[in-house]
C-alpha atoms as a PDB file:
ATOM      1  CA  MET A   1      92.689 182.643  85.933  1.00  0.00           C
ATOM      2  CA  ALA A   2      91.011 180.059  88.038  1.00  0.00           C
ATOM      3  CA  PHE A   3      89.021 177.240  86.308  1.00  0.00           C
ATOM      4  CA  THR A   4      85.588 177.788  86.203  1.00  0.00           C
ATOM      5  CA  PRO A   5      83.774 173.960  85.596  1.00  0.00           C
ATOM      6  CA  ALA A   6      81.252 173.986  83.019  1.00  0.00           C
ATOM      7  CA  THR A   7      78.232 172.940  85.014  1.00  0.00           C
ATOM      8  CA  ALA A   8      76.047 173.969  82.112  1.00  0.00           C
ATOM      9  CA  CYS A   9      76.831 170.454  80.751  1.00  0.00           C
ATOM     10  CA  CYS A  10      75.794 168.857  83.545  1.00  0.00           C
ATOM     11  CA  LYS A  11      72.181 170.253  83.911  1.00  0.00           C
ATOM     12  CA  PRO A  12      69.464 168.347  82.639  1.00  0.00           C
ATOM     13  CA  SER A  13      68.013 170.502  79.660  1.00  0.00           C
ATOM     14  CA  LEU A  14      64.762 170.473  77.996  1.00  0.00           C
ATOM     15  CA  LEU A  15      65.592 170.814  74.420  1.00  0.00           C
ATOM     16  CA  LEU A  16      67.952 167.565  74.823  1.00  0.00           C
ATOM     17  CA  ALA A  17      65.225 165.902  76.753  1.00  0.00           C
ATOM     18  CA  PRO A  18      63.514 162.480  75.139  1.00  0.00           C
ATOM     19  CA  ARG A  19      59.887 163.210  73.615  1.00  0.00           C
ATOM     20  CA  ALA A  20      57.500 161.755  75.883  1.00  0.00           C
ATOM     21  CA  SER A  21      55.974 158.281  74.007  1.00  0.00           C
ATOM     22  CA  SER A  22      52.533 158.890  72.269  1.00  0.00           C
ATOM     23  CA  SER A  23      49.819 156.668  70.895  1.00  0.00           C
ATOM     24  CA  ARG A  24      51.743 157.125  67.495  1.00  0.00           C
ATOM     25  CA  GLY A  25      55.500 155.365  68.797  1.00  0.00           C
ATOM     26  CA  SER A  26      56.197 153.245  71.592  1.00  0.00           C
ATOM     27  CA  PRO A  27      58.453 153.907  74.405  1.00  0.00           C
ATOM     28  CA  ALA A  28      60.668 151.189  73.225  1.00  0.00           C
ATOM     29  CA  ARG A  29      61.263 152.462  69.587  1.00  0.00           C
ATOM     30  CA  ALA A  30      62.185 156.010  70.975  1.00  0.00           C
ATOM     31  CA  GLN A  31      64.547 154.194  73.120  1.00  0.00           C
ATOM     32  CA  ALA A  32      65.931 152.402  70.529  1.00  0.00           C
ATOM     33  CA  GLN A  33      66.580 155.823  68.034  1.00  0.00           C
ATOM     34  CA  LEU A  34      68.009 157.154  71.477  1.00  0.00           C
ATOM     35  CA  LEU A  35      70.520 154.319  71.389  1.00  0.00           C
ATOM     36  CA  CYS A  36      71.044 154.362  67.503  1.00  0.00           C
ATOM     37  CA  ALA A  37      71.879 158.247  67.479  1.00  0.00           C
ATOM     38  CA  PRO A  38      75.622 159.004  67.233  1.00  0.00           C
ATOM     39  CA  SER A  39      77.568 159.844  70.391  1.00  0.00           C
ATOM     40  CA  THR A  40      79.120 163.330  70.687  1.00  0.00           C
ATOM     41  CA  SER A  41      82.056 164.602  72.929  1.00  0.00           C
ATOM     42  CA  ALA A  42      80.454 167.203  75.424  1.00  0.00           C
ATOM     43  CA  PHE A  43      83.828 169.227  75.036  1.00  0.00           C
ATOM     44  CA  HIS A  44      84.272 168.880  71.410  1.00  0.00           C
ATOM     45  CA  GLY A  45      81.286 167.832  69.687  1.00  0.00           C
ATOM     46  CA  ARG A  46      83.183 165.255  67.417  1.00  0.00           C
ATOM     47  CA  VAL A  47      81.280 162.617  66.107  1.00  0.00           C
ATOM     48  CA  ARG A  48      82.724 159.473  67.724  1.00  0.00           C
ATOM     49  CA  ALA A  49      83.768 156.741  64.702  1.00  0.00           C
ATOM     50  CA  PRO A  50      81.716 153.755  64.689  1.00  0.00           C
ATOM     51  CA  VAL A  51      83.446 150.308  66.132  1.00  0.00           C
ATOM     52  CA  ALA A  52      83.589 147.391  63.581  1.00  0.00           C
ATOM     53  CA  ALA A  53      81.698 144.603  65.093  1.00  0.00           C
ATOM     54  CA  ALA A  54      84.203 141.253  65.769  1.00  0.00           C
ATOM     55  CA  PRO A  55      84.328 138.846  62.739  1.00  0.00           C
ATOM     56  CA  ALA A  56      81.156 135.707  63.914  1.00  0.00           C
ATOM     57  CA  PRO A  57      82.215 132.687  64.789  1.00  0.00           C
ATOM     58  CA  ARG A  58      82.697 130.052  61.912  1.00  0.00           C
ATOM     59  CA  TRP A  59      79.617 127.958  63.645  1.00  0.00           C
ATOM     60  CA  ARG A  60      77.688 130.681  63.911  1.00  0.00           C
ATOM     61  CA  ARG A  61      78.652 132.030  60.178  1.00  0.00           C
ATOM     62  CA  ALA A  62      77.818 128.221  58.868  1.00  0.00           C
ATOM     63  CA  ALA A  63      74.756 128.705  60.915  1.00  0.00           C
ATOM     64  CA  ALA A  64      73.395 131.430  58.717  1.00  0.00           C
ATOM     65  CA  SER A  65      70.599 129.681  56.951  1.00  0.00           C
ATOM     66  CA  THR A  66      70.150 126.888  59.405  1.00  0.00           C
ATOM     67  CA  ALA A  67      67.219 128.176  61.605  1.00  0.00           C
ATOM     68  CA  ILE A  68      64.975 125.417  60.949  1.00  0.00           C
ATOM     69  CA  VAL A  69      62.590 124.632  64.166  1.00  0.00           C
ATOM     70  CA  CYS A  70      61.049 120.809  63.028  1.00  0.00           C
ATOM     71  CA  GLY A  71      62.695 118.106  61.548  1.00  0.00           C
ATOM     72  CA  LYS A  72      61.598 116.726  58.836  1.00  0.00           C
ATOM     73  CA  VAL A  73      63.176 113.215  59.002  1.00  0.00           C
ATOM     74  CA  SER A  74      61.337 111.413  61.985  1.00  0.00           C
ATOM     75  CA  LYS A  75      61.684 107.788  63.123  1.00  0.00           C
ATOM     76  CA  GLY A  76      60.287 105.297  60.690  1.00  0.00           C
ATOM     77  CA  SER A  77      61.049 107.604  57.772  1.00  0.00           C
ATOM     78  CA  VAL A  78      63.117 106.745  55.248  1.00  0.00           C
ATOM     79  CA  PRO A  79      66.024 109.747  54.687  1.00  0.00           C
ATOM     80  CA  PRO A  80      66.006 111.672  51.448  1.00  0.00           C
ATOM     81  CA  ASN A  81      69.579 110.494  49.447  1.00  0.00           C
ATOM     82  CA  PHE A  82      72.681 112.769  49.384  1.00  0.00           C
ATOM     83  CA  THR A  83      76.199 112.983  47.749  1.00  0.00           C
ATOM     84  CA  LEU A  84      78.724 114.852  49.095  1.00  0.00           C
ATOM     85  CA  LYS A  85      82.441 114.767  49.301  1.00  0.00           C
ATOM     86  CA  ASP A  86      84.267 113.121  52.051  1.00  0.00           C
ATOM     87  CA  GLN A  87      87.427 114.076  53.814  1.00  0.00           C
ATOM     88  CA  ASN A  88      89.735 112.675  50.554  1.00  0.00           C
ATOM     89  CA  GLY A  89      87.612 114.578  48.516  1.00  0.00           C
ATOM     90  CA  LYS A  90      85.624 111.795  46.918  1.00  0.00           C
ATOM     91  CA  PRO A  91      81.840 112.029  46.610  1.00  0.00           C
ATOM     92  CA  VAL A  92      79.748 109.460  48.683  1.00  0.00           C
ATOM     93  CA  SER A  93      76.607 108.530  48.390  1.00  0.00           C
ATOM     94  CA  LEU A  94      73.793 107.644  51.448  1.00  0.00           C
ATOM     95  CA  ASN A  95      72.810 104.765  49.081  1.00  0.00           C
ATOM     96  CA  LYS A  96      75.909 103.281  48.954  1.00  0.00           C
ATOM     97  CA  PHE A  97      75.703 102.146  53.050  1.00  0.00           C
ATOM     98  CA  LYS A  98      72.341 100.563  51.965  1.00  0.00           C
ATOM     99  CA  GLY A  99      72.684  96.708  53.724  1.00  0.00           C
ATOM    100  CA  LYS A 100      73.907  97.452  56.627  1.00  0.00           C
ATOM    101  CA  PRO A 101      73.339 100.289  59.609  1.00  0.00           C
ATOM    102  CA  VAL A 102      74.306 103.404  59.644  1.00  0.00           C
ATOM    103  CA  VAL A 103      74.822 106.255  62.107  1.00  0.00           C
ATOM    104  CA  VAL A 104      74.439 109.689  60.553  1.00  0.00           C
ATOM    105  CA  TYR A 105      75.902 112.351  63.002  1.00  0.00           C
ATOM    106  CA  PHE A 106      75.568 115.847  62.202  1.00  0.00           C
ATOM    107  CA  TYR A 107      77.323 118.211  64.147  1.00  0.00           C
ATOM    108  CA  PRO A 108      78.183 122.244  64.271  1.00  0.00           C
ATOM    109  CA  ALA A 109      81.885 122.359  63.245  1.00  0.00           C
ATOM    110  CA  ASP A 110      85.396 121.036  63.114  1.00  0.00           C
ATOM    111  CA  GLU A 111      87.982 121.973  65.854  1.00  0.00           C
ATOM    112  CA  THR A 112      85.142 123.423  67.966  1.00  0.00           C
ATOM    113  CA  PRO A 113      85.207 121.654  71.725  1.00  0.00           C
ATOM    114  CA  GLY A 114      82.441 119.703  71.960  1.00  0.00           C
ATOM    115  CA  CYS A 115      82.340 118.351  68.493  1.00  0.00           C
ATOM    116  CA  THR A 116      86.015 117.357  68.872  1.00  0.00           C
ATOM    117  CA  LYS A 117      84.932 115.110  72.138  1.00  0.00           C
ATOM    118  CA  GLN A 118      82.455 113.663  70.316  1.00  0.00           C
ATOM    119  CA  ALA A 119      84.212 112.724  67.302  1.00  0.00           C
ATOM    120  CA  CYS A 120      87.023 111.428  69.663  1.00  0.00           C
ATOM    121  CA  ALA A 121      84.227 109.407  71.235  1.00  0.00           C
ATOM    122  CA  PHE A 122      83.015 107.799  68.142  1.00  0.00           C
ATOM    123  CA  ARG A 123      86.712 107.164  67.269  1.00  0.00           C
ATOM    124  CA  ASP A 124      87.184 105.105  70.422  1.00  0.00           C
ATOM    125  CA  SER A 125      83.924 103.307  70.183  1.00  0.00           C
ATOM    126  CA  TYR A 126      84.762 102.840  66.705  1.00  0.00           C
ATOM    127  CA  GLU A 127      85.491  98.681  66.845  1.00  0.00           C
ATOM    128  CA  LYS A 128      82.016  98.361  68.842  1.00  0.00           C
ATOM    129  CA  PHE A 129      80.479 100.023  65.742  1.00  0.00           C
ATOM    130  CA  LYS A 130      82.109  97.565  63.330  1.00  0.00           C
ATOM    131  CA  LYS A 131      80.966  94.864  65.409  1.00  0.00           C
ATOM    132  CA  ALA A 132      77.468  95.576  64.988  1.00  0.00           C
ATOM    133  CA  GLY A 133      78.025  95.943  61.285  1.00  0.00           C
ATOM    134  CA  ALA A 134      77.489  99.628  61.585  1.00  0.00           C
ATOM    135  CA  GLU A 135      78.913 102.466  59.581  1.00  0.00           C
ATOM    136  CA  VAL A 136      79.687 106.104  60.972  1.00  0.00           C
ATOM    137  CA  ILE A 137      79.050 109.005  59.309  1.00  0.00           C
ATOM    138  CA  GLY A 138      79.895 112.548  60.306  1.00  0.00           C
ATOM    139  CA  ILE A 139      78.518 115.767  58.672  1.00  0.00           C
ATOM    140  CA  SER A 140      79.138 119.312  58.812  1.00  0.00           C
ATOM    141  CA  GLY A 141      79.049 122.855  57.100  1.00  0.00           C
ATOM    142  CA  ASP A 142      82.746 122.494  56.852  1.00  0.00           C
ATOM    143  CA  ASP A 143      84.587 121.777  53.408  1.00  0.00           C
ATOM    144  CA  ALA A 144      86.362 118.436  52.615  1.00  0.00           C
ATOM    145  CA  ALA A 145      90.104 120.345  53.322  1.00  0.00           C
ATOM    146  CA  SER A 146      88.986 121.274  57.020  1.00  0.00           C
ATOM    147  CA  HIS A 147      87.541 117.681  57.176  1.00  0.00           C
ATOM    148  CA  LYS A 148      90.842 115.789  55.645  1.00  0.00           C
ATOM    149  CA  ALA A 149      92.866 117.932  58.676  1.00  0.00           C
ATOM    150  CA  PHE A 150      90.317 117.258  61.365  1.00  0.00           C
ATOM    151  CA  ALA A 151      90.424 113.651  60.587  1.00  0.00           C
ATOM    152  CA  GLN A 152      93.923 113.538  60.268  1.00  0.00           C
ATOM    153  CA  LYS A 153      94.795 115.446  63.583  1.00  0.00           C
ATOM    154  CA  TYR A 154      92.683 113.260  65.673  1.00  0.00           C
ATOM    155  CA  ARG A 155      92.993 109.925  64.049  1.00  0.00           C
ATOM    156  CA  LEU A 156      89.009 109.786  63.216  1.00  0.00           C
ATOM    157  CA  PRO A 157      88.629 106.110  61.525  1.00  0.00           C
ATOM    158  CA  PHE A 158      85.064 107.009  59.868  1.00  0.00           C
ATOM    159  CA  THR A 159      83.696 108.953  56.991  1.00  0.00           C
ATOM    160  CA  LEU A 160      83.489 112.815  57.627  1.00  0.00           C
ATOM    161  CA  LEU A 161      81.298 114.539  54.597  1.00  0.00           C
ATOM    162  CA  ALA A 162      81.520 118.040  53.534  1.00  0.00           C
ATOM    163  CA  ASP A 163      77.661 119.772  53.329  1.00  0.00           C
ATOM    164  CA  GLU A 164      78.885 122.970  52.071  1.00  0.00           C
ATOM    165  CA  GLY A 165      75.833 125.651  51.990  1.00  0.00           C
ATOM    166  CA  ASN A 166      74.008 122.818  54.875  1.00  0.00           C
ATOM    167  CA  ARG A 167      71.862 121.873  52.200  1.00  0.00           C
ATOM    168  CA  VAL A 168      71.671 118.306  53.516  1.00  0.00           C
ATOM    169  CA  ARG A 169      71.026 119.710  57.115  1.00  0.00           C
ATOM    170  CA  LYS A 170      68.150 121.414  55.924  1.00  0.00           C
ATOM    171  CA  GLU A 171      66.627 118.523  53.663  1.00  0.00           C
ATOM    172  CA  TRP A 172      66.600 116.244  56.382  1.00  0.00           C
ATOM    173  CA  GLY A 173      65.562 119.068  58.841  1.00  0.00           C
ATOM    174  CA  VAL A 174      68.229 119.016  61.948  1.00  0.00           C
ATOM    175  CA  PRO A 175      66.782 121.699  63.886  1.00  0.00           C
ATOM    176  CA  GLY A 176      69.225 124.216  65.467  1.00  0.00           C
ATOM    177  CA  ASP A 177      69.792 125.196  69.005  1.00  0.00           C
ATOM    178  CA  LEU A 178      70.068 129.282  70.618  1.00  0.00           C
ATOM    179  CA  PHE A 179      67.050 130.073  68.025  1.00  0.00           C
ATOM    180  CA  GLY A 180      68.715 128.837  65.246  1.00  0.00           C
ATOM    181  CA  THR A 181      71.745 130.470  65.707  1.00  0.00           C
ATOM    182  CA  LEU A 182      74.030 127.647  66.587  1.00  0.00           C
ATOM    183  CA  PRO A 183      73.885 124.475  63.980  1.00  0.00           C
ATOM    184  CA  GLY A 184      72.224 121.632  65.632  1.00  0.00           C
ATOM    185  CA  ARG A 185      73.845 118.078  67.066  1.00  0.00           C
ATOM    186  CA  GLN A 186      71.691 115.574  65.939  1.00  0.00           C
ATOM    187  CA  THR A 187      72.303 111.707  65.491  1.00  0.00           C
ATOM    188  CA  TYR A 188      70.346 109.607  63.459  1.00  0.00           C
ATOM    189  CA  VAL A 189      70.169 105.535  63.207  1.00  0.00           C
ATOM    190  CA  LEU A 190      69.357 103.870  60.129  1.00  0.00           C
ATOM    191  CA  ASP A 191      68.865 100.147  59.782  1.00  0.00           C
ATOM    192  CA  LYS A 192      69.899  97.901  56.885  1.00  0.00           C
ATOM    193  CA  ASN A 193      66.732  98.688  54.990  1.00  0.00           C
ATOM    194  CA  GLY A 194      67.946 102.941  55.300  1.00  0.00           C
ATOM    195  CA  VAL A 195      65.035 103.321  57.378  1.00  0.00           C
ATOM    196  CA  VAL A 196      65.588 105.895  60.755  1.00  0.00           C
ATOM    197  CA  GLN A 197      64.980 103.703  63.811  1.00  0.00           C
ATOM    198  CA  TYR A 198      66.178 106.313  66.563  1.00  0.00           C
ATOM    199  CA  ILE A 199      67.173 110.287  66.318  1.00  0.00           C
ATOM    200  CA  TYR A 200      69.049 111.560  69.499  1.00  0.00           C
ATOM    201  CA  ASN A 201      69.516 115.617  70.146  1.00  0.00           C
ATOM    202  CA  ASN A 202      71.765 116.877  72.583  1.00  0.00           C
ATOM    203  CA  GLN A 203      73.791 119.587  71.948  1.00  0.00           C
ATOM    204  CA  PHE A 204      75.706 120.321  75.228  1.00  0.00           C
ATOM    205  CA  GLN A 205      76.088 116.544  75.843  1.00  0.00           C
ATOM    206  CA  PRO A 206      78.200 115.434  72.863  1.00  0.00           C
ATOM    207  CA  GLU A 207      79.677 112.277  74.292  1.00  0.00           C
ATOM    208  CA  LYS A 208      76.218 110.764  75.086  1.00  0.00           C
ATOM    209  CA  HIS A 209      75.421 110.514  71.490  1.00  0.00           C
ATOM    210  CA  ILE A 210      77.618 107.283  71.152  1.00  0.00           C
ATOM    211  CA  GLY A 211      76.244 105.220  73.986  1.00  0.00           C
ATOM    212  CA  GLU A 212      72.632 106.493  73.025  1.00  0.00           C
ATOM    213  CA  THR A 213      73.290 104.646  69.389  1.00  0.00           C
ATOM    214  CA  LEU A 214      75.160 101.711  70.230  1.00  0.00           C
ATOM    215  CA  LYS A 215      72.102 100.657  72.423  1.00  0.00           C
ATOM    216  CA  ILE A 216      70.251 101.023  69.528  1.00  0.00           C
ATOM    217  CA  LEU A 217      72.373  99.175  67.343  1.00  0.00           C
ATOM    218  CA  GLN A 218      72.524  96.166  69.538  1.00  0.00           C
ATOM    219  CA  SER A 219      68.956  96.219  69.706  1.00  0.00           C
ATOM    220  CA  LEU A 220      68.553  96.047  65.590  1.00  0.00           C
END
């Protein structure tokens, strides 16, 4: 028996055509309803099982609660104090460093390419920061165990603090990037009195944070 193609499946059907938009609904809404409807096979009529979404990257999961548009800490202000655990699990307070300049830099996450470059650049220039009498503190939403592995792997000589839940990031008002989906990369330079003298934000050129902050420290 010769095979007769099921041409009826290929012809447009008035019954299946999308309804024209009216004043009660927008074309975009009607299109979204069509796109969200379950797809079926033209030959078997079986509903295809939904495809499970891939897990979000770690930095995106950490950014879930950091969609902040404008910063709360500005030049000339004294930022709120905090106490967080360092890479060794010991509590560290910002007030501990009063009396000397401090560089506080917020970064998205350990082990990401840009953050690794930035951390290693701070490491390579660490003697210059010490010569300027400054302390360097890195802060991200990673836990203390992650910070410890990160610091040991790249031989980081400075303090890394675990801001789990991004509480300090929110209090300081560090702006996010890419519409809040990516935690911001922002560096603050505080003078010996704890007053912010400089703020530098550059997500995609992480190594520039080091040169810019050193210029400010040398002028204090």
